N, C-alpha and C. Protein backbone atom coordinates (compact mmCIF):
# COMPACT_ATOMS: atom_id res chain seq x y z
N MET A 1 0.85 -1.19 0.00
CA MET A 1 0.00 0.00 0.00
C MET A 1 0.88 1.24 0.00
N ALA A 2 0.60 2.16 -0.82
CA ALA A 2 1.36 3.39 -0.92
C ALA A 2 1.04 4.31 0.26
N THR A 3 2.09 5.00 0.74
CA THR A 3 1.91 5.96 1.84
C THR A 3 1.54 7.31 1.27
N SER A 4 0.53 7.90 1.84
CA SER A 4 0.08 9.20 1.34
C SER A 4 1.10 10.27 1.67
N PRO A 5 1.18 11.34 0.84
CA PRO A 5 2.11 12.43 1.13
C PRO A 5 1.85 13.04 2.50
N GLN A 6 0.58 13.14 2.92
CA GLN A 6 0.29 13.75 4.22
C GLN A 6 0.87 12.89 5.35
N HIS A 7 0.78 11.54 5.18
CA HIS A 7 1.31 10.65 6.22
C HIS A 7 2.83 10.76 6.30
N ARG A 8 3.47 10.82 5.09
CA ARG A 8 4.93 10.96 5.09
C ARG A 8 5.35 12.27 5.73
N ASP A 9 4.66 13.34 5.44
CA ASP A 9 5.01 14.64 6.02
C ASP A 9 4.87 14.61 7.53
N GLY A 10 3.79 13.95 8.01
CA GLY A 10 3.61 13.86 9.46
C GLY A 10 4.73 13.07 10.12
N THR A 11 5.14 11.97 9.49
CA THR A 11 6.23 11.15 10.04
C THR A 11 7.54 11.92 10.04
N ASP A 12 7.81 12.63 8.95
CA ASP A 12 9.04 13.43 8.88
C ASP A 12 9.06 14.50 9.96
N LEU A 13 7.93 15.16 10.17
CA LEU A 13 7.87 16.20 11.19
C LEU A 13 8.08 15.63 12.58
N LEU A 14 7.53 14.43 12.82
CA LEU A 14 7.71 13.79 14.12
C LEU A 14 9.18 13.43 14.34
N GLY A 15 9.84 12.92 13.29
CA GLY A 15 11.26 12.59 13.41
C GLY A 15 12.11 13.82 13.66
N VAL A 16 11.81 14.91 12.94
CA VAL A 16 12.56 16.15 13.13
C VAL A 16 12.35 16.67 14.55
N ALA A 17 11.10 16.60 15.03
CA ALA A 17 10.81 17.08 16.38
C ALA A 17 11.56 16.25 17.42
N ALA A 18 11.56 14.90 17.24
CA ALA A 18 12.27 14.03 18.19
C ALA A 18 13.77 14.32 18.17
N LEU A 19 14.32 14.54 16.95
CA LEU A 19 15.75 14.86 16.84
C LEU A 19 16.06 16.19 17.51
N ALA A 20 15.16 17.16 17.34
CA ALA A 20 15.38 18.46 17.96
C ALA A 20 15.34 18.36 19.48
N VAL A 21 14.40 17.58 20.00
CA VAL A 21 14.30 17.41 21.45
C VAL A 21 15.56 16.73 22.00
N CYS A 22 16.00 15.65 21.32
CA CYS A 22 17.20 14.95 21.78
C CYS A 22 18.44 15.84 21.70
N GLY A 23 18.55 16.60 20.59
CA GLY A 23 19.69 17.51 20.45
C GLY A 23 19.69 18.58 21.52
N THR A 24 18.52 19.14 21.80
CA THR A 24 18.42 20.17 22.84
C THR A 24 18.79 19.60 24.21
N ALA A 25 18.30 18.38 24.51
CA ALA A 25 18.61 17.75 25.79
C ALA A 25 20.11 17.48 25.91
N PHE A 26 20.73 17.04 24.80
CA PHE A 26 22.16 16.76 24.83
C PHE A 26 22.97 18.04 25.06
N LEU A 27 22.61 19.10 24.35
CA LEU A 27 23.33 20.37 24.53
C LEU A 27 23.13 20.92 25.94
N ALA A 28 21.91 20.75 26.47
CA ALA A 28 21.66 21.20 27.84
C ALA A 28 22.50 20.42 28.84
N TYR A 29 22.64 19.09 28.60
CA TYR A 29 23.46 18.27 29.49
C TYR A 29 24.92 18.68 29.42
N VAL A 30 25.43 18.92 28.20
CA VAL A 30 26.82 19.34 28.04
C VAL A 30 27.07 20.67 28.74
N ALA A 31 26.15 21.62 28.55
CA ALA A 31 26.30 22.92 29.20
C ALA A 31 26.25 22.77 30.72
N ASN A 32 25.37 21.91 31.20
CA ASN A 32 25.27 21.69 32.64
C ASN A 32 26.55 21.05 33.19
N THR A 33 27.12 20.10 32.44
CA THR A 33 28.36 19.46 32.87
C THR A 33 29.51 20.45 32.92
N VAL A 34 29.57 21.34 31.94
CA VAL A 34 30.61 22.37 31.94
C VAL A 34 30.49 23.23 33.20
N LEU A 35 29.27 23.65 33.52
CA LEU A 35 29.05 24.44 34.73
C LEU A 35 29.40 23.64 35.98
N TYR A 36 29.08 22.35 35.96
CA TYR A 36 29.34 21.47 37.11
C TYR A 36 30.84 21.37 37.40
N LEU A 37 31.65 21.37 36.33
CA LEU A 37 33.10 21.18 36.47
C LEU A 37 33.87 22.48 36.65
N THR A 38 33.23 23.62 36.43
CA THR A 38 33.94 24.89 36.58
C THR A 38 34.20 25.20 38.05
N PRO A 39 35.23 25.97 38.33
CA PRO A 39 35.46 26.40 39.72
C PRO A 39 34.28 27.23 40.22
N PRO A 40 34.17 27.42 41.53
CA PRO A 40 33.07 28.22 42.08
C PRO A 40 33.00 29.61 41.45
N ASN A 41 31.81 30.02 41.04
CA ASN A 41 31.58 31.32 40.44
C ASN A 41 30.13 31.72 40.71
N PRO A 42 29.78 33.01 40.53
CA PRO A 42 28.42 33.45 40.87
C PRO A 42 27.32 32.70 40.14
N LEU A 43 27.52 32.42 38.83
CA LEU A 43 26.49 31.71 38.07
C LEU A 43 26.30 30.29 38.60
N LYS A 44 27.41 29.63 38.89
CA LYS A 44 27.33 28.27 39.41
C LYS A 44 26.64 28.24 40.77
N MET A 45 26.95 29.20 41.63
CA MET A 45 26.32 29.25 42.94
C MET A 45 24.82 29.45 42.82
N GLN A 46 24.41 30.27 41.86
CA GLN A 46 22.98 30.56 41.70
C GLN A 46 22.23 29.34 41.17
N LEU A 47 22.86 28.59 40.28
CA LEU A 47 22.19 27.45 39.65
C LEU A 47 22.57 26.11 40.27
N LEU A 48 23.28 26.12 41.39
CA LEU A 48 23.81 24.89 41.95
C LEU A 48 22.73 23.84 42.23
N PRO A 49 21.56 24.19 42.79
CA PRO A 49 20.54 23.14 43.00
C PRO A 49 20.11 22.46 41.70
N VAL A 50 19.95 23.23 40.63
CA VAL A 50 19.55 22.65 39.34
C VAL A 50 20.69 21.80 38.78
N ILE A 51 21.91 22.32 38.84
CA ILE A 51 23.07 21.59 38.31
C ILE A 51 23.23 20.26 39.02
N SER A 52 23.14 20.28 40.35
CA SER A 52 23.31 19.04 41.12
C SER A 52 22.19 18.05 40.85
N ALA A 53 20.96 18.56 40.68
CA ALA A 53 19.83 17.67 40.42
C ALA A 53 19.99 16.94 39.09
N ILE A 54 20.58 17.60 38.11
CA ILE A 54 20.78 16.97 36.80
C ILE A 54 21.94 15.97 36.84
N GLN A 55 23.03 16.34 37.50
CA GLN A 55 24.23 15.50 37.48
C GLN A 55 24.13 14.29 38.39
N HIS A 56 23.47 14.46 39.52
CA HIS A 56 23.46 13.36 40.51
C HIS A 56 22.15 12.60 40.44
N PRO A 57 22.19 11.30 40.68
CA PRO A 57 23.39 10.51 41.00
C PRO A 57 24.03 9.82 39.81
N LEU A 58 23.44 9.92 38.62
CA LEU A 58 23.89 9.09 37.49
C LEU A 58 25.06 9.67 36.73
N PHE A 59 25.21 11.00 36.70
CA PHE A 59 26.22 11.61 35.83
C PHE A 59 27.30 12.36 36.61
N ALA A 60 27.51 12.01 37.85
CA ALA A 60 28.51 12.70 38.66
C ALA A 60 29.90 12.50 38.07
N GLN A 61 30.68 13.57 38.04
CA GLN A 61 32.05 13.51 37.55
C GLN A 61 32.96 13.43 38.78
N ASN A 62 33.49 12.25 39.04
CA ASN A 62 34.32 12.09 40.23
C ASN A 62 35.43 11.08 39.94
N TRP A 63 36.05 10.56 41.00
CA TRP A 63 37.23 9.72 40.85
C TRP A 63 36.90 8.26 40.60
N HIS A 64 35.63 7.86 40.59
CA HIS A 64 35.29 6.45 40.55
C HIS A 64 35.88 5.74 39.32
N LEU A 65 35.90 6.41 38.16
CA LEU A 65 36.38 5.75 36.95
C LEU A 65 37.89 5.54 37.01
N PHE A 66 38.63 6.53 37.53
CA PHE A 66 40.09 6.48 37.48
C PHE A 66 40.71 5.98 38.78
N ALA A 67 39.96 6.01 39.87
CA ALA A 67 40.47 5.53 41.15
C ALA A 67 39.38 4.75 41.86
N PRO A 68 39.06 3.55 41.35
CA PRO A 68 37.97 2.79 41.97
C PRO A 68 38.30 2.29 43.36
N ASN A 69 39.59 2.32 43.74
CA ASN A 69 39.99 1.86 45.07
C ASN A 69 40.75 2.99 45.76
N PRO A 70 40.05 4.00 46.24
CA PRO A 70 40.72 5.18 46.78
C PRO A 70 41.42 4.90 48.11
N ILE A 71 42.23 5.84 48.55
CA ILE A 71 42.91 5.70 49.83
C ILE A 71 41.87 5.55 50.93
N ARG A 72 42.06 4.56 51.78
CA ARG A 72 41.06 4.26 52.79
C ARG A 72 41.46 4.73 54.17
N ARG A 73 42.61 5.40 54.30
CA ARG A 73 43.05 5.88 55.61
C ARG A 73 43.69 7.25 55.47
N ASP A 74 43.52 8.05 56.51
CA ASP A 74 44.20 9.34 56.60
C ASP A 74 45.18 9.27 57.76
N PHE A 75 46.38 9.82 57.53
CA PHE A 75 47.41 9.78 58.56
C PHE A 75 47.70 11.20 59.06
N VAL A 76 47.85 11.34 60.36
CA VAL A 76 48.30 12.59 60.96
C VAL A 76 49.49 12.27 61.83
N LEU A 77 50.58 12.97 61.60
CA LEU A 77 51.83 12.72 62.31
C LEU A 77 52.03 13.81 63.35
N THR A 78 52.24 13.41 64.61
CA THR A 78 52.55 14.37 65.67
C THR A 78 53.91 14.03 66.26
N VAL A 79 54.61 15.06 66.70
CA VAL A 79 56.00 14.91 67.15
C VAL A 79 56.19 15.68 68.46
N ARG A 80 56.99 15.11 69.35
CA ARG A 80 57.45 15.87 70.51
C ARG A 80 58.95 15.68 70.68
N CYS A 81 59.58 16.62 71.33
CA CYS A 81 61.04 16.67 71.42
C CYS A 81 61.47 16.64 72.89
N ARG A 82 62.60 16.00 73.13
CA ARG A 82 63.17 15.99 74.48
C ARG A 82 64.48 16.76 74.45
N VAL A 83 64.54 17.80 75.27
CA VAL A 83 65.75 18.61 75.39
C VAL A 83 66.25 18.42 76.82
N GLY A 84 67.37 17.72 76.97
CA GLY A 84 67.82 17.38 78.31
C GLY A 84 66.82 16.44 78.97
N ALA A 85 66.32 16.84 80.14
CA ALA A 85 65.30 16.04 80.83
C ALA A 85 63.90 16.56 80.57
N ALA A 86 63.77 17.68 79.85
CA ALA A 86 62.47 18.30 79.60
C ALA A 86 61.85 17.73 78.32
N VAL A 87 60.59 17.36 78.42
CA VAL A 87 59.84 16.83 77.27
C VAL A 87 58.83 17.88 76.84
N GLY A 88 58.89 18.26 75.57
CA GLY A 88 58.01 19.30 75.05
C GLY A 88 56.62 18.77 74.69
N PRO A 89 55.74 19.65 74.26
CA PRO A 89 54.38 19.24 73.89
C PRO A 89 54.35 18.56 72.53
N TRP A 90 53.21 17.96 72.22
CA TRP A 90 53.01 17.35 70.91
C TRP A 90 52.73 18.42 69.88
N HIS A 91 53.29 18.25 68.68
CA HIS A 91 53.07 19.17 67.56
C HIS A 91 52.54 18.39 66.37
N ASP A 92 51.46 18.86 65.78
CA ASP A 92 50.93 18.28 64.56
C ASP A 92 51.75 18.82 63.39
N ILE A 93 52.48 17.94 62.69
CA ILE A 93 53.31 18.40 61.58
C ILE A 93 52.70 18.04 60.22
N THR A 94 51.52 17.45 60.23
CA THR A 94 50.86 17.09 58.97
C THR A 94 49.88 18.16 58.52
N ALA A 95 49.02 18.63 59.42
CA ALA A 95 47.98 19.61 59.05
C ALA A 95 48.55 20.88 58.43
N PRO A 96 49.63 21.47 58.96
CA PRO A 96 50.18 22.68 58.31
C PRO A 96 50.63 22.42 56.87
N LEU A 97 51.23 21.25 56.61
CA LEU A 97 51.66 20.95 55.25
C LEU A 97 50.46 20.77 54.32
N VAL A 98 49.42 20.10 54.81
CA VAL A 98 48.22 19.91 54.00
C VAL A 98 47.59 21.26 53.66
N ALA A 99 47.49 22.15 54.67
CA ALA A 99 46.90 23.46 54.43
C ALA A 99 47.72 24.28 53.44
N ALA A 100 49.05 24.23 53.58
CA ALA A 100 49.92 24.98 52.66
C ALA A 100 49.81 24.43 51.24
N HIS A 101 49.74 23.11 51.11
CA HIS A 101 49.62 22.50 49.78
C HIS A 101 48.28 22.85 49.14
N GLN A 102 47.22 22.88 49.92
CA GLN A 102 45.91 23.20 49.36
C GLN A 102 45.82 24.67 48.96
N ARG A 103 46.56 25.53 49.64
CA ARG A 103 46.55 26.96 49.26
C ARG A 103 47.28 27.16 47.93
N THR A 104 48.37 26.43 47.73
CA THR A 104 49.17 26.60 46.51
C THR A 104 49.54 25.22 45.98
N ARG A 105 48.73 24.72 45.04
CA ARG A 105 48.93 23.35 44.57
C ARG A 105 50.21 23.19 43.76
N SER A 106 50.76 24.26 43.22
CA SER A 106 51.98 24.15 42.42
C SER A 106 53.24 24.27 43.26
N SER A 107 53.09 24.42 44.56
CA SER A 107 54.25 24.57 45.45
C SER A 107 54.85 23.20 45.78
N PRO A 108 56.05 23.19 46.38
CA PRO A 108 56.67 21.90 46.75
C PRO A 108 56.12 21.31 48.03
N TRP A 109 55.11 21.93 48.66
CA TRP A 109 54.58 21.40 49.92
C TRP A 109 54.07 19.97 49.74
N GLY A 110 53.48 19.68 48.59
CA GLY A 110 52.96 18.33 48.36
C GLY A 110 54.06 17.28 48.41
N ARG A 111 55.24 17.62 47.91
CA ARG A 111 56.35 16.66 47.93
C ARG A 111 56.85 16.45 49.35
N LEU A 112 56.89 17.51 50.14
CA LEU A 112 57.29 17.36 51.54
C LEU A 112 56.28 16.50 52.29
N LEU A 113 55.00 16.71 52.00
CA LEU A 113 53.97 15.90 52.63
C LEU A 113 54.10 14.43 52.24
N ARG A 114 54.50 14.19 50.99
CA ARG A 114 54.63 12.83 50.51
C ARG A 114 55.70 12.05 51.28
N VAL A 115 56.74 12.75 51.75
CA VAL A 115 57.79 12.07 52.54
C VAL A 115 57.17 11.47 53.80
N GLN A 116 56.36 12.28 54.49
CA GLN A 116 55.67 11.79 55.69
C GLN A 116 54.78 10.60 55.37
N GLN A 117 53.93 10.78 54.37
CA GLN A 117 52.93 9.76 54.06
C GLN A 117 53.57 8.45 53.64
N ASN A 118 54.60 8.51 52.80
CA ASN A 118 55.26 7.29 52.37
C ASN A 118 55.98 6.60 53.52
N ALA A 119 56.59 7.39 54.41
CA ALA A 119 57.26 6.80 55.57
C ALA A 119 56.26 6.09 56.47
N VAL A 120 55.09 6.69 56.66
CA VAL A 120 54.06 6.07 57.49
C VAL A 120 53.59 4.77 56.85
N ARG A 121 53.35 4.78 55.55
CA ARG A 121 52.87 3.58 54.87
C ARG A 121 53.91 2.46 54.92
N VAL A 122 55.18 2.82 54.76
CA VAL A 122 56.23 1.81 54.84
C VAL A 122 56.29 1.25 56.26
N TRP A 123 56.20 2.12 57.27
CA TRP A 123 56.26 1.65 58.65
C TRP A 123 55.08 0.74 58.97
N LEU A 124 53.92 1.04 58.43
CA LEU A 124 52.74 0.20 58.64
C LEU A 124 52.77 -1.07 57.79
N GLY A 125 53.73 -1.16 56.85
CA GLY A 125 53.79 -2.34 55.99
C GLY A 125 52.79 -2.32 54.86
N ARG A 126 52.34 -1.12 54.49
CA ARG A 126 51.34 -1.01 53.41
C ARG A 126 51.93 -0.12 52.33
N PHE A 127 52.56 -0.74 51.37
CA PHE A 127 53.15 0.07 50.31
C PHE A 127 53.10 -0.68 48.99
N GLY A 128 51.94 -0.61 48.33
CA GLY A 128 51.84 -1.16 46.99
C GLY A 128 51.42 -2.60 46.89
N ASP A 129 51.35 -3.34 48.04
CA ASP A 129 51.02 -4.75 47.93
C ASP A 129 49.78 -5.11 48.74
N GLU A 130 48.92 -4.16 49.01
CA GLU A 130 47.76 -4.43 49.86
C GLU A 130 46.83 -5.46 49.23
N ASP A 131 46.60 -5.38 47.93
CA ASP A 131 45.72 -6.34 47.28
C ASP A 131 46.30 -7.75 47.36
N TRP A 132 47.61 -7.86 47.11
CA TRP A 132 48.27 -9.16 47.18
C TRP A 132 48.24 -9.70 48.61
N ARG A 133 48.48 -8.83 49.58
CA ARG A 133 48.45 -9.24 50.99
C ARG A 133 47.06 -9.77 51.36
N ALA A 134 46.01 -9.04 50.94
CA ALA A 134 44.66 -9.47 51.26
C ALA A 134 44.34 -10.83 50.66
N ALA A 135 44.81 -11.05 49.42
CA ALA A 135 44.54 -12.33 48.76
C ALA A 135 45.24 -13.48 49.48
N VAL A 136 46.47 -13.28 49.91
CA VAL A 136 47.21 -14.33 50.61
C VAL A 136 46.61 -14.59 51.98
N CYS A 137 46.27 -13.53 52.69
CA CYS A 137 45.85 -13.67 54.09
C CYS A 137 44.44 -14.24 54.21
N ARG A 138 43.64 -14.16 53.18
CA ARG A 138 42.34 -14.82 53.22
C ARG A 138 42.51 -16.34 53.26
N VAL A 139 43.57 -16.83 52.65
CA VAL A 139 43.81 -18.28 52.58
C VAL A 139 44.69 -18.74 53.74
N ARG A 140 45.73 -17.94 54.09
CA ARG A 140 46.67 -18.34 55.14
C ARG A 140 46.80 -17.22 56.17
N PRO A 141 45.79 -17.04 57.03
CA PRO A 141 45.84 -15.91 57.98
C PRO A 141 46.98 -15.99 58.98
N GLN A 142 47.53 -17.19 59.22
CA GLN A 142 48.62 -17.32 60.19
C GLN A 142 50.00 -17.19 59.54
N ASP A 143 50.04 -16.92 58.26
CA ASP A 143 51.32 -16.75 57.57
C ASP A 143 52.08 -15.57 58.17
N PRO A 144 53.41 -15.69 58.36
CA PRO A 144 54.17 -14.56 58.89
C PRO A 144 53.98 -13.28 58.07
N TYR A 145 53.77 -13.45 56.78
CA TYR A 145 53.53 -12.30 55.91
C TYR A 145 52.27 -11.55 56.33
N CYS A 146 51.27 -12.29 56.83
CA CYS A 146 50.02 -11.67 57.24
C CYS A 146 50.13 -11.05 58.63
N ARG A 147 50.99 -11.61 59.47
CA ARG A 147 51.15 -11.10 60.83
C ARG A 147 52.23 -10.02 60.93
N GLY A 148 52.88 -9.73 59.79
CA GLY A 148 53.89 -8.68 59.80
C GLY A 148 55.18 -9.07 60.46
N THR A 149 55.47 -10.39 60.56
CA THR A 149 56.69 -10.85 61.22
C THR A 149 57.71 -11.41 60.23
N ASP A 150 57.45 -11.30 58.94
CA ASP A 150 58.40 -11.80 57.96
C ASP A 150 59.54 -10.80 57.79
N ASP A 151 60.61 -11.21 57.10
CA ASP A 151 61.79 -10.37 56.94
C ASP A 151 61.48 -9.09 56.18
N VAL A 152 60.63 -9.18 55.16
CA VAL A 152 60.29 -7.99 54.37
C VAL A 152 59.57 -6.97 55.24
N ALA A 153 58.58 -7.42 56.01
CA ALA A 153 57.84 -6.51 56.89
C ALA A 153 58.76 -5.89 57.94
N ARG A 154 59.69 -6.69 58.47
CA ARG A 154 60.61 -6.16 59.47
C ARG A 154 61.50 -5.07 58.88
N ARG A 155 62.02 -5.31 57.68
CA ARG A 155 62.88 -4.30 57.05
C ARG A 155 62.08 -3.04 56.71
N MET A 156 60.85 -3.23 56.25
CA MET A 156 60.01 -2.07 55.93
C MET A 156 59.76 -1.25 57.19
N ARG A 157 59.46 -1.92 58.30
CA ARG A 157 59.21 -1.19 59.55
C ARG A 157 60.46 -0.44 60.00
N GLU A 158 61.60 -1.07 59.87
CA GLU A 158 62.85 -0.40 60.26
C GLU A 158 63.11 0.82 59.38
N ASN A 159 62.92 0.66 58.06
CA ASN A 159 63.14 1.78 57.15
C ASN A 159 62.15 2.91 57.42
N GLY A 160 60.87 2.54 57.63
CA GLY A 160 59.88 3.55 57.92
C GLY A 160 60.19 4.31 59.20
N ALA A 161 60.61 3.58 60.24
CA ALA A 161 60.95 4.23 61.51
C ALA A 161 62.15 5.16 61.34
N HIS A 162 63.12 4.74 60.53
CA HIS A 162 64.29 5.59 60.30
C HIS A 162 63.90 6.91 59.64
N VAL A 163 63.06 6.83 58.62
CA VAL A 163 62.63 8.06 57.94
C VAL A 163 61.76 8.92 58.86
N LEU A 164 60.88 8.29 59.62
CA LEU A 164 60.05 9.05 60.56
C LEU A 164 60.91 9.75 61.61
N GLY A 165 61.99 9.08 62.04
CA GLY A 165 62.90 9.72 62.99
C GLY A 165 63.57 10.94 62.39
N ARG A 166 63.94 10.88 61.13
CA ARG A 166 64.56 12.03 60.46
C ARG A 166 63.54 13.15 60.28
N VAL A 167 62.30 12.79 59.90
CA VAL A 167 61.25 13.80 59.77
C VAL A 167 61.01 14.49 61.11
N ALA A 168 60.95 13.71 62.19
CA ALA A 168 60.73 14.27 63.52
C ALA A 168 61.91 15.14 63.95
N SER A 169 63.12 14.74 63.59
CA SER A 169 64.30 15.53 63.97
C SER A 169 64.29 16.89 63.28
N VAL A 170 63.92 16.92 62.00
CA VAL A 170 63.82 18.20 61.29
C VAL A 170 62.74 19.08 61.94
N ALA A 171 61.63 18.46 62.34
CA ALA A 171 60.58 19.23 62.99
C ALA A 171 61.06 19.79 64.32
N CYS A 172 61.81 19.00 65.09
CA CYS A 172 62.31 19.48 66.37
C CYS A 172 63.33 20.60 66.20
N ASP A 173 64.10 20.57 65.10
CA ASP A 173 64.99 21.70 64.81
C ASP A 173 64.19 22.99 64.72
N ARG A 174 63.00 22.89 64.16
CA ARG A 174 62.15 24.07 64.01
C ARG A 174 61.50 24.49 65.33
N PHE A 175 61.16 23.52 66.17
CA PHE A 175 60.41 23.82 67.39
C PHE A 175 61.31 24.24 68.55
N VAL A 176 62.48 23.61 68.69
CA VAL A 176 63.32 23.89 69.87
C VAL A 176 64.69 24.43 69.50
N GLY A 177 64.99 24.53 68.22
CA GLY A 177 66.30 25.02 67.81
C GLY A 177 67.14 23.89 67.24
N ARG A 178 67.92 24.22 66.24
CA ARG A 178 68.69 23.19 65.52
C ARG A 178 69.72 22.53 66.42
N GLY A 179 69.68 21.21 66.49
CA GLY A 179 70.65 20.44 67.24
C GLY A 179 70.44 20.41 68.74
N ARG A 180 69.38 21.01 69.25
CA ARG A 180 69.17 21.05 70.70
C ARG A 180 68.48 19.80 71.23
N ALA A 181 67.68 19.13 70.41
CA ALA A 181 66.93 17.96 70.88
C ALA A 181 67.88 16.78 71.08
N ALA A 182 67.62 16.02 72.14
CA ALA A 182 68.38 14.80 72.38
C ALA A 182 67.66 13.57 71.84
N ALA A 183 66.34 13.63 71.84
CA ALA A 183 65.54 12.50 71.35
C ALA A 183 64.22 13.03 70.82
N VAL A 184 63.61 12.24 69.97
CA VAL A 184 62.33 12.61 69.36
C VAL A 184 61.37 11.44 69.49
N GLN A 185 60.09 11.76 69.52
CA GLN A 185 59.07 10.72 69.57
C GLN A 185 57.94 11.06 68.61
N VAL A 186 57.41 10.04 67.95
CA VAL A 186 56.36 10.21 66.95
C VAL A 186 55.11 9.48 67.41
N ALA A 187 53.99 10.16 67.31
CA ALA A 187 52.69 9.52 67.53
C ALA A 187 51.90 9.63 66.23
N LEU A 188 51.28 8.55 65.86
CA LEU A 188 50.58 8.47 64.59
C LEU A 188 49.09 8.30 64.84
N LEU A 189 48.29 9.18 64.24
CA LEU A 189 46.84 9.05 64.29
C LEU A 189 46.38 8.52 62.93
N VAL A 190 45.74 7.38 62.93
CA VAL A 190 45.27 6.74 61.71
C VAL A 190 43.74 6.81 61.70
N HIS A 191 43.20 7.60 60.81
CA HIS A 191 41.74 7.75 60.72
C HIS A 191 41.22 6.94 59.54
N THR A 192 40.30 6.05 59.82
CA THR A 192 39.65 5.25 58.78
C THR A 192 38.26 5.82 58.55
N PRO A 193 38.03 6.49 57.43
CA PRO A 193 36.72 7.10 57.21
C PRO A 193 35.66 6.06 56.94
N PRO A 194 34.39 6.44 57.01
CA PRO A 194 33.32 5.48 56.69
C PRO A 194 33.37 5.06 55.23
N PRO A 195 32.71 3.98 54.86
CA PRO A 195 32.73 3.53 53.46
C PRO A 195 32.08 4.55 52.54
N ILE A 196 32.31 4.37 51.25
CA ILE A 196 31.83 5.32 50.26
C ILE A 196 30.31 5.47 50.31
N SER A 197 29.61 4.42 50.77
CA SER A 197 28.15 4.51 50.86
C SER A 197 27.72 5.52 51.90
N ARG A 198 28.64 5.88 52.84
CA ARG A 198 28.32 6.90 53.86
C ARG A 198 29.28 8.08 53.72
N ARG A 199 29.59 8.45 52.49
CA ARG A 199 30.58 9.50 52.24
C ARG A 199 30.12 10.89 52.67
N PHE A 200 28.84 11.08 52.90
CA PHE A 200 28.35 12.39 53.33
C PHE A 200 28.26 12.49 54.86
N SER A 201 28.86 11.54 55.56
CA SER A 201 28.88 11.60 57.02
C SER A 201 29.75 12.75 57.50
N PRO A 202 29.64 13.16 58.76
CA PRO A 202 30.51 14.23 59.28
C PRO A 202 31.99 13.88 59.16
N ASP A 203 32.83 14.91 59.19
CA ASP A 203 34.27 14.70 59.00
C ASP A 203 34.87 13.78 60.06
N ASP A 204 34.31 13.79 61.27
CA ASP A 204 34.88 12.98 62.34
C ASP A 204 34.30 11.57 62.40
N ALA A 205 33.48 11.21 61.40
CA ALA A 205 32.92 9.85 61.38
C ALA A 205 34.01 8.84 61.08
N GLY A 206 33.74 7.59 61.39
CA GLY A 206 34.73 6.55 61.19
C GLY A 206 35.44 6.22 62.49
N THR A 207 36.60 5.62 62.38
CA THR A 207 37.37 5.23 63.56
C THR A 207 38.78 5.82 63.49
N THR A 208 39.36 6.08 64.65
CA THR A 208 40.71 6.64 64.73
C THR A 208 41.54 5.80 65.68
N ALA A 209 42.68 5.35 65.20
CA ALA A 209 43.63 4.58 66.03
C ALA A 209 44.82 5.47 66.35
N TYR A 210 45.35 5.31 67.56
CA TYR A 210 46.47 6.12 68.04
C TYR A 210 47.65 5.20 68.27
N VAL A 211 48.74 5.42 67.53
CA VAL A 211 49.92 4.56 67.61
C VAL A 211 51.09 5.39 68.11
N LEU A 212 51.68 4.97 69.22
CA LEU A 212 52.80 5.69 69.82
C LEU A 212 54.09 4.92 69.54
N LEU A 213 55.01 5.55 68.83
CA LEU A 213 56.31 4.94 68.56
C LEU A 213 57.26 5.22 69.73
N PRO A 214 58.25 4.37 69.95
CA PRO A 214 59.20 4.61 71.04
C PRO A 214 60.08 5.82 70.75
N TRP A 215 60.71 6.34 71.80
CA TRP A 215 61.65 7.44 71.63
C TRP A 215 62.79 7.01 70.71
N MET A 216 63.21 7.93 69.85
CA MET A 216 64.31 7.66 68.93
C MET A 216 65.37 8.75 69.11
N PRO A 217 66.64 8.40 68.94
CA PRO A 217 67.67 9.44 69.06
C PRO A 217 67.52 10.51 67.97
N TYR A 218 67.85 11.72 68.33
CA TYR A 218 67.82 12.83 67.37
C TYR A 218 68.83 12.57 66.25
N GLN A 219 68.46 12.87 65.01
CA GLN A 219 69.33 12.72 63.86
C GLN A 219 69.52 14.09 63.21
N ARG A 220 70.75 14.47 63.07
CA ARG A 220 71.03 15.76 62.41
C ARG A 220 70.87 15.57 60.90
N VAL A 221 69.97 16.32 60.30
CA VAL A 221 69.67 16.20 58.89
C VAL A 221 70.17 17.45 58.17
N GLY A 222 70.89 17.26 57.09
CA GLY A 222 71.41 18.41 56.35
C GLY A 222 72.74 18.89 56.91
N GLY A 223 73.24 19.99 56.31
CA GLY A 223 74.54 20.50 56.71
C GLY A 223 74.53 21.24 58.02
């Protein structure tokens, strides 16, 4: 049966209308995504409820694609110094570096912070092999590798403690004067945030462990 010209025209108009609607929706989505990714600005602040309603939860632009297994712990390093028989107060040496790095992302503060973080991870025995460790320990939980008593874990702990001692010594040079400290001590706060399903919980949610390292002799770093 032949299609009448009126029927063909109606079908063509419907197809053009559907294409126009889809094209408009696509352009609106692209424009919304651009606004979503821009730094804070007056237009974004004004339209933020609409922007968020369109992007979330299906089109959020975040780290899930490129970092499906994000860092699951935050470390804070505190240091105190002993000068003679006097023991000084605890000093948080992580928060100032984080704040300075966040103020100026192109500065070297991030590299200085990385020294602390890598030393902590090495001391804890967590440096690049967590997935492999989990796979082994599910099958052999009593393995020395799982209990941290193997030779590799022992060397990692020694290396981590050595670097942490040097980091603490440099900090004590700043707090009590260069070369005045006789010994340094490091306390580590390990915060485990809630799972990603509760990512909107308060900042203090989760659990915090407090690890106190023994006193270490002061190490003169640099000239």
